[in-house]
Amino acid sequence: MVAVDRDRVRAALPGYTIGGQLGTGSSGLVLAGHHRDLDRPVAIKVLSTAATDPAAVDAFRAEAQMLGRLDHPHIVRIHDFVVRDDLCLLVMELLPGGPVGRRRLSPPAACAVGLAVAHALSQAHRFGIAHRDVKPANILFTGSGLPKLTDFGIAKILEGTAGEASRLAGTPRYMAPEQIRRGWLSPATDVYGLGVVLHELLRGESMFPRDLPVSELFRWHLEVEPPPLPAVPPVLGEVVARALAKDPAARHPTGLDLARELAVAAGAAFGPRWLHDCGVTVRVVDDLVEQPPPRADRHLAGPTSLPTPLPTPTPLPLPAPALTP
C-alpha cells in the first residue's frame, strides 16, 4: 500500500478537515473527513496508485461517475470527486454503522438487509451496471441503521469489447461460477454474490469450510451444493437456493426479481409486519412488501400493484478483471 501524504489531501480538499484512517482496499485507503461549512461528516477514498497507473485513475473516475448516476437510498452517496496532480479523491457519505459482517442479525433482519441490497442492485442493473463484488464488507450501515451498498470500484458496464484483456475480478468467497470461468456476466452474477451473503447471514457462518485455498473455493462455487439452512423457514431457503444456482439462467434475472421474491417469502415466514419490526431500516418501493394490517384508528387505501418490471440488460461477454483480498 502506497503511503498517503495527508497534507496533500488537505490541500486538495481545502473545505474539509481530514481525520483518521477508516479502512483500506485494493486501490487505496479511506480517510475520515468533515466538510466545515456544511457540517457534514464524510469518507474520503484516496487512490494510491494514481502516479503509476493511469488506467486506475480512469477506473476511479468511472466509479465516481457511476455512483453519481445511481441515486438510491441503499447505495452510498457521492459528494465530490477531485483530481489534483497524481492524487485522486472520492468524497462520499460516511457510514459509521460499520459493515454487516460485524453484526449478528436475526433472520428477519438478514432478510431486510438482503431486500435493501437487492433493490439497490436493481437500480444498478437498470443502468446496465454489474457490481461484481457484493460481499458483507461492501454493505455498511448509516448511523440510523440504514444498510447501503458501497465500493463499485470493479463494477462493469454490461457491454464491452471482446478485444479487452480478461482477468478475474472480485472476492473468491462471493464470486459467481461465471466469474470464475471468465464467462458472460449479467445481473444474475450479482444475485449470486448476494445469495452467498444471505446464506451467511441466515446461517450465522460462512457456507464454506474454514481456511479453504482459493482453488478449493472456486471448486465449491462450481461443483458443490450450498449447505442446507435447517433453522430457516423452507420458503426462505428456496429463495436463497435459487439465488445460488450454478447456472445463471436458473437464478433471479435481476436484483428486482430477487427483492420481490424475498419480500414475499419473508412475509410468509415472519408475518405481514416483519419489515417494520426487524430492527433494520429499509426504504424501498412500498408495494414490494406485504402491507401491515390497518390499525383501528386509520383507513388504508387498497393494495397497489407491483411496479412494472425493469428491463433485463442483455448479458454480454465481459472481461473480468485482480482478486480483491
Protein backbone atom coordinates (compact mmCIF):
# COMPACT_ATOMS: atom_id res chain seq x y z
CA MET A 1 0.00 0.00 0.00
CA VAL A 2 1.41 3.38 -1.04
CA ALA A 3 1.60 5.88 1.80
CA VAL A 4 -0.71 8.89 1.51
CA ASP A 5 0.54 12.40 2.26
CA ARG A 6 -2.29 13.87 4.33
CA ASP A 7 -1.03 17.40 3.76
CA ARG A 8 -1.59 16.89 0.03
CA VAL A 9 -5.10 15.57 0.73
CA ARG A 10 -5.82 18.68 2.83
CA ALA A 11 -4.51 20.92 0.05
CA ALA A 12 -6.74 19.17 -2.50
CA LEU A 13 -9.80 19.49 -0.24
CA PRO A 14 -9.48 22.93 1.39
CA GLY A 15 -13.06 22.91 2.65
CA TYR A 16 -12.57 19.74 4.68
CA THR A 17 -10.82 18.68 7.83
CA ILE A 18 -9.03 15.33 7.44
CA GLY A 19 -9.35 12.68 10.13
CA GLY A 20 -8.06 9.19 10.75
CA GLN A 21 -7.95 6.14 8.55
CA LEU A 22 -11.21 4.20 8.23
CA GLY A 23 -10.00 1.29 6.13
CA THR A 24 -8.01 0.08 3.17
CA GLY A 25 -8.83 -1.51 -0.14
CA SER A 26 -7.23 -2.92 -3.24
CA SER A 27 -6.67 0.53 -4.76
CA GLY A 28 -6.06 2.80 -1.79
CA LEU A 29 -7.35 3.76 1.61
CA VAL A 30 -10.32 5.57 3.12
CA LEU A 31 -9.95 8.53 5.46
CA ALA A 32 -12.50 10.23 7.68
CA GLY A 33 -13.26 13.85 6.88
CA HIS A 34 -15.62 16.69 7.68
CA HIS A 35 -16.96 19.45 5.46
CA ARG A 36 -16.58 22.54 7.62
CA ASP A 37 -19.18 24.82 6.00
CA LEU A 38 -21.86 22.14 5.64
CA ASP A 39 -21.00 20.48 8.98
CA ARG A 40 -21.12 17.11 7.21
CA PRO A 41 -19.02 14.05 8.06
CA VAL A 42 -17.64 12.25 5.02
CA ALA A 43 -15.45 9.35 3.95
CA ILE A 44 -12.61 10.16 1.56
CA LYS A 45 -11.42 7.35 -0.70
CA VAL A 46 -7.83 8.01 -1.77
CA LEU A 47 -6.41 6.32 -4.86
CA SER A 48 -2.88 5.28 -4.02
CA THR A 49 -1.72 4.22 -7.49
CA ALA A 50 -2.52 7.38 -9.41
CA ALA A 51 1.13 8.20 -10.08
CA THR A 52 1.95 4.83 -11.64
CA ASP A 53 -1.29 3.57 -13.15
CA PRO A 54 -3.27 5.93 -15.40
CA ALA A 55 -5.77 3.14 -16.04
CA ALA A 56 -6.53 3.05 -12.31
CA VAL A 57 -7.32 6.76 -12.43
CA ASP A 58 -9.74 6.18 -15.28
CA ALA A 59 -11.39 3.35 -13.33
CA PHE A 60 -11.62 5.57 -10.24
CA ARG A 61 -13.26 8.33 -12.28
CA ALA A 62 -15.67 5.79 -13.78
CA GLU A 63 -16.62 4.67 -10.26
CA ALA A 64 -17.36 8.27 -9.30
CA GLN A 65 -19.50 8.77 -12.39
CA MET A 66 -21.41 5.53 -11.77
CA LEU A 67 -22.12 6.44 -8.17
CA GLY A 68 -23.28 9.85 -9.28
CA ARG A 69 -25.88 8.22 -11.54
CA LEU A 70 -27.07 5.58 -9.09
CA ASP A 71 -29.35 7.65 -6.91
CA HIS A 72 -30.82 5.12 -4.48
CA PRO A 73 -31.42 5.18 -0.71
CA HIS A 74 -29.41 1.97 -0.29
CA ILE A 75 -26.38 2.98 -2.38
CA VAL A 76 -23.64 5.12 -0.86
CA ARG A 77 -23.90 8.75 -1.98
CA ILE A 78 -21.03 10.61 -3.58
CA HIS A 79 -20.39 14.25 -2.70
CA ASP A 80 -17.30 15.15 -4.71
CA PHE A 81 -14.54 13.85 -6.98
CA VAL A 82 -11.22 15.66 -7.08
CA VAL A 83 -8.14 15.04 -9.23
CA ARG A 84 -5.08 17.05 -8.30
CA ASP A 85 -1.79 16.20 -9.96
CA ASP A 86 -1.40 12.45 -9.32
CA LEU A 87 -3.89 12.39 -6.44
CA CYS A 88 -7.48 11.13 -6.89
CA LEU A 89 -10.04 11.64 -4.14
CA LEU A 90 -13.61 10.37 -3.99
CA VAL A 91 -15.66 12.07 -1.24
CA MET A 92 -18.64 10.00 -0.08
CA GLU A 93 -21.11 9.94 2.75
CA LEU A 94 -19.75 8.50 5.96
CA LEU A 95 -21.30 5.20 7.04
CA PRO A 96 -20.41 4.94 10.72
CA GLY A 97 -22.53 1.87 11.45
CA GLY A 98 -19.86 -0.47 10.07
CA PRO A 99 -20.21 -3.49 7.78
CA VAL A 100 -22.98 -6.04 8.06
CA GLY A 101 -20.45 -8.78 8.80
CA ARG A 102 -19.85 -7.31 12.25
CA ARG A 103 -23.48 -7.73 13.26
CA ARG A 104 -25.36 -10.78 14.44
CA LEU A 105 -28.71 -10.40 12.71
CA SER A 106 -31.98 -12.17 13.30
CA PRO A 107 -33.42 -13.95 10.23
CA PRO A 108 -35.93 -11.10 9.59
CA ALA A 109 -33.12 -8.53 9.88
CA ALA A 110 -30.95 -10.55 7.49
CA CYS A 111 -33.83 -10.63 5.01
CA ALA A 112 -34.27 -6.86 5.38
CA VAL A 113 -30.61 -6.31 4.51
CA GLY A 114 -30.97 -8.66 1.56
CA LEU A 115 -34.08 -6.83 0.37
CA ALA A 116 -32.35 -3.44 0.60
CA VAL A 117 -29.25 -4.61 -1.28
CA ALA A 118 -31.26 -6.47 -3.91
CA HIS A 119 -33.29 -3.34 -4.56
CA ALA A 120 -30.07 -1.29 -4.73
CA LEU A 121 -28.67 -3.74 -7.25
CA SER A 122 -31.84 -3.37 -9.29
CA GLN A 123 -31.00 0.31 -9.71
CA ALA A 124 -27.50 -0.55 -10.90
CA HIS A 125 -28.88 -3.21 -13.24
CA ARG A 126 -31.34 -0.68 -14.63
CA PHE A 127 -28.35 1.34 -15.78
CA GLY A 128 -26.67 -1.77 -17.15
CA ILE A 129 -24.09 -1.94 -14.34
CA ALA A 130 -22.91 -5.12 -12.63
CA HIS A 131 -21.32 -4.55 -9.20
CA ARG A 132 -19.28 -7.80 -9.31
CA ASP A 133 -18.13 -7.65 -5.67
CA VAL A 134 -21.21 -7.98 -3.45
CA LYS A 135 -19.95 -9.07 -0.02
CA PRO A 136 -20.50 -8.15 3.65
CA ALA A 137 -17.55 -5.75 3.70
CA ASN A 138 -19.29 -3.73 0.97
CA ILE A 139 -22.62 -3.46 2.83
CA LEU A 140 -22.33 -0.77 5.50
CA PHE A 141 -24.81 0.90 7.83
CA THR A 142 -25.58 4.54 8.41
CA GLY A 143 -25.81 5.76 11.98
CA SER A 144 -29.60 5.25 11.87
CA GLY A 145 -29.33 1.61 10.75
CA LEU A 146 -29.86 2.04 7.01
CA PRO A 147 -27.82 -0.53 5.01
CA LYS A 148 -26.03 0.76 1.94
CA LEU A 149 -24.13 -0.91 -0.87
CA THR A 150 -20.65 0.54 -1.39
CA ASP A 151 -17.47 0.09 -3.44
CA PHE A 152 -18.35 -0.01 -7.12
CA GLY A 153 -14.62 0.04 -7.82
CA ILE A 154 -14.68 -3.06 -10.04
CA ALA A 155 -18.20 -2.57 -11.38
CA LYS A 156 -18.58 -3.06 -15.10
CA ILE A 157 -20.99 -1.69 -17.64
CA LEU A 158 -22.88 -4.63 -19.13
CA GLU A 159 -21.40 -4.13 -22.53
CA GLY A 160 -17.85 -4.47 -23.71
CA THR A 161 -15.47 -5.37 -26.47
CA ALA A 162 -14.03 -8.83 -26.98
CA GLY A 163 -10.57 -7.37 -27.50
CA GLU A 164 -10.18 -6.33 -23.88
CA ALA A 165 -7.96 -8.43 -21.61
CA SER A 166 -9.78 -10.88 -19.36
CA ARG A 167 -8.80 -11.06 -15.68
CA LEU A 168 -10.57 -12.28 -12.59
CA ALA A 169 -12.28 -9.61 -10.53
CA GLY A 170 -13.97 -9.94 -7.20
CA THR A 171 -13.59 -11.71 -3.87
CA PRO A 172 -13.27 -15.50 -4.21
CA ARG A 173 -15.75 -16.35 -1.44
CA TYR A 174 -18.53 -14.40 -3.19
CA MET A 175 -17.74 -14.94 -6.88
CA ALA A 176 -20.31 -16.46 -9.19
CA PRO A 177 -19.37 -19.51 -11.29
CA GLU A 178 -19.41 -17.45 -14.48
CA GLN A 179 -16.92 -15.01 -12.96
CA ILE A 180 -14.59 -17.87 -12.15
CA ARG A 181 -14.95 -19.26 -15.66
CA ARG A 182 -14.44 -15.78 -17.15
CA GLY A 183 -17.79 -16.17 -18.84
CA TRP A 184 -20.66 -13.85 -19.63
CA LEU A 185 -21.64 -11.59 -16.76
CA SER A 186 -25.17 -10.34 -16.12
CA PRO A 187 -27.31 -9.03 -13.26
CA ALA A 188 -27.63 -12.66 -12.16
CA THR A 189 -23.92 -12.52 -11.32
CA ASP A 190 -24.66 -10.02 -8.56
CA VAL A 191 -27.67 -12.07 -7.47
CA TYR A 192 -25.29 -14.97 -6.77
CA GLY A 193 -22.97 -12.80 -4.67
CA LEU A 194 -25.92 -11.54 -2.64
CA GLY A 195 -27.12 -15.13 -2.34
CA VAL A 196 -23.83 -16.06 -0.65
CA VAL A 197 -24.21 -13.08 1.70
CA LEU A 198 -27.80 -14.04 2.55
CA HIS A 199 -26.77 -17.65 3.19
CA GLU A 200 -24.06 -16.46 5.60
CA LEU A 201 -26.36 -14.06 7.43
CA LEU A 202 -29.14 -16.61 7.82
CA ARG A 203 -26.79 -19.45 8.78
CA GLY A 204 -24.62 -17.34 11.07
CA GLU A 205 -21.38 -18.56 9.49
CA SER A 206 -19.68 -19.00 6.13
CA MET A 207 -21.17 -21.53 3.76
CA PHE A 208 -17.63 -22.82 3.11
CA PRO A 209 -15.26 -24.74 5.40
CA ARG A 210 -12.65 -22.58 7.08
CA ASP A 211 -9.29 -21.77 5.51
CA LEU A 212 -10.05 -23.13 2.06
CA PRO A 213 -7.46 -22.12 -0.54
CA VAL A 214 -8.76 -20.11 -3.47
CA SER A 215 -8.66 -23.15 -5.77
CA GLU A 216 -10.97 -25.05 -3.40
CA LEU A 217 -13.28 -22.06 -3.01
CA PHE A 218 -13.62 -21.98 -6.77
CA ARG A 219 -14.37 -25.73 -6.83
CA TRP A 220 -17.13 -25.25 -4.26
CA HIS A 221 -18.70 -22.47 -6.31
CA LEU A 222 -18.55 -24.59 -9.45
CA GLU A 223 -19.40 -28.07 -8.15
CA VAL A 224 -20.59 -28.25 -4.53
CA GLU A 225 -24.17 -27.54 -3.49
CA PRO A 226 -24.54 -25.00 -0.64
CA PRO A 227 -25.12 -26.42 2.86
CA PRO A 228 -28.79 -26.56 3.90
CA LEU A 229 -30.36 -23.95 6.16
CA PRO A 230 -32.28 -26.14 8.61
CA ALA A 231 -33.11 -23.32 11.02
CA VAL A 232 -34.58 -21.15 8.25
CA PRO A 233 -38.20 -21.44 7.06
CA PRO A 234 -38.22 -23.53 3.85
CA VAL A 235 -39.84 -20.74 1.84
CA LEU A 236 -36.78 -18.58 2.53
CA GLY A 237 -34.35 -21.41 1.91
CA GLU A 238 -35.85 -21.84 -1.54
CA VAL A 239 -35.21 -18.17 -2.39
CA VAL A 240 -31.57 -18.41 -1.29
CA ALA A 241 -31.10 -21.70 -3.14
CA ARG A 242 -32.40 -20.14 -6.35
CA ALA A 243 -30.03 -17.17 -5.95
CA LEU A 244 -27.15 -19.65 -5.56
CA ALA A 245 -27.93 -21.73 -8.65
CA LYS A 246 -24.79 -22.69 -10.56
CA ASP A 247 -26.48 -21.80 -13.85
CA PRO A 248 -27.15 -18.04 -14.03
CA ALA A 249 -30.26 -18.71 -16.12
CA ALA A 250 -31.78 -20.52 -13.12
CA ARG A 251 -31.29 -17.56 -10.76
CA HIS A 252 -33.40 -14.44 -10.33
CA PRO A 253 -32.68 -12.46 -13.51
CA THR A 254 -32.15 -9.13 -11.69
CA GLY A 255 -31.91 -7.67 -8.23
CA LEU A 256 -35.53 -6.52 -8.53
CA ASP A 257 -36.72 -10.08 -9.08
CA LEU A 258 -34.80 -11.24 -6.03
CA ALA A 259 -36.18 -8.35 -3.96
CA ARG A 260 -39.76 -9.25 -4.89
CA GLU A 261 -39.37 -12.94 -4.18
CA LEU A 262 -37.51 -12.31 -0.92
CA ALA A 263 -40.21 -9.89 0.26
CA VAL A 264 -42.98 -12.40 -0.39
CA ALA A 265 -41.06 -15.24 1.28
CA ALA A 266 -40.19 -13.17 4.36
CA GLY A 267 -43.82 -12.09 4.69
CA ALA A 268 -44.93 -15.73 4.57
CA ALA A 269 -42.26 -16.77 7.08
CA PHE A 270 -42.44 -13.93 9.60
CA GLY A 271 -45.83 -12.27 9.12
CA PRO A 272 -47.01 -9.04 7.49
CA ARG A 273 -45.16 -6.72 9.89
CA TRP A 274 -41.78 -8.44 9.57
CA LEU A 275 -40.07 -5.47 7.94
CA HIS A 276 -41.39 -2.97 10.47
CA ASP A 277 -40.27 -4.98 13.48
CA CYS A 278 -36.89 -6.37 12.34
CA GLY A 279 -34.69 -3.51 13.57
CA VAL A 280 -33.17 -2.70 10.16
CA THR A 281 -34.21 0.48 8.34
CA VAL A 282 -35.27 -0.23 4.76
CA ARG A 283 -36.53 2.31 2.24
CA VAL A 284 -37.81 0.61 -0.88
CA VAL A 285 -40.90 0.75 -3.04
CA ASP A 286 -43.79 0.10 -0.67
CA ASP A 287 -45.52 -2.42 -2.88
CA LEU A 288 -42.53 -4.78 -2.82
CA VAL A 289 -43.55 -5.89 0.65
CA GLU A 290 -46.82 -7.01 2.12
CA GLN A 291 -48.51 -4.12 3.85
CA PRO A 292 -49.27 -4.36 7.61
CA PRO A 293 -52.92 -4.76 8.58
CA PRO A 294 -54.77 -1.45 9.05
CA ARG A 295 -54.95 -0.06 12.56
CA ALA A 296 -58.32 0.74 14.08
CA ASP A 297 -57.55 4.46 14.08
CA ARG A 298 -56.97 4.84 10.37
CA HIS A 299 -58.06 3.64 6.97
CA LEU A 300 -55.63 2.38 4.38
CA ALA A 301 -56.12 2.54 0.66
CA GLY A 302 -56.37 -0.73 -1.21
CA PRO A 303 -53.18 -2.54 -2.19
CA THR A 304 -51.19 -1.08 -5.03
CA SER A 305 -50.00 -3.13 -7.95
CA LEU A 306 -46.42 -4.28 -8.29
CA PRO A 307 -44.16 -1.90 -10.22
CA THR A 308 -43.54 -2.59 -13.87
CA PRO A 309 -40.52 -4.87 -14.10
CA LEU A 310 -37.32 -3.21 -15.22
CA PRO A 311 -35.92 -4.48 -18.50
CA THR A 312 -33.25 -7.12 -18.06
CA PRO A 313 -29.99 -5.99 -19.69
CA THR A 314 -28.72 -8.44 -22.28
CA PRO A 315 -25.71 -10.27 -20.83
CA LEU A 316 -22.62 -9.79 -22.91
CA PRO A 317 -19.16 -11.33 -22.62
CA LEU A 318 -17.23 -9.11 -20.25
CA PRO A 319 -13.59 -9.10 -19.36
CA ALA A 320 -13.42 -9.89 -15.71
CA PRO A 321 -10.55 -8.01 -14.08
CA ALA A 322 -7.26 -8.73 -9.81
CA LEU A 323 -8.84 -10.51 -6.99
CA THR A 324 -9.87 -8.40 -4.00
CA PRO A 325 -8.13 -9.60 -0.88
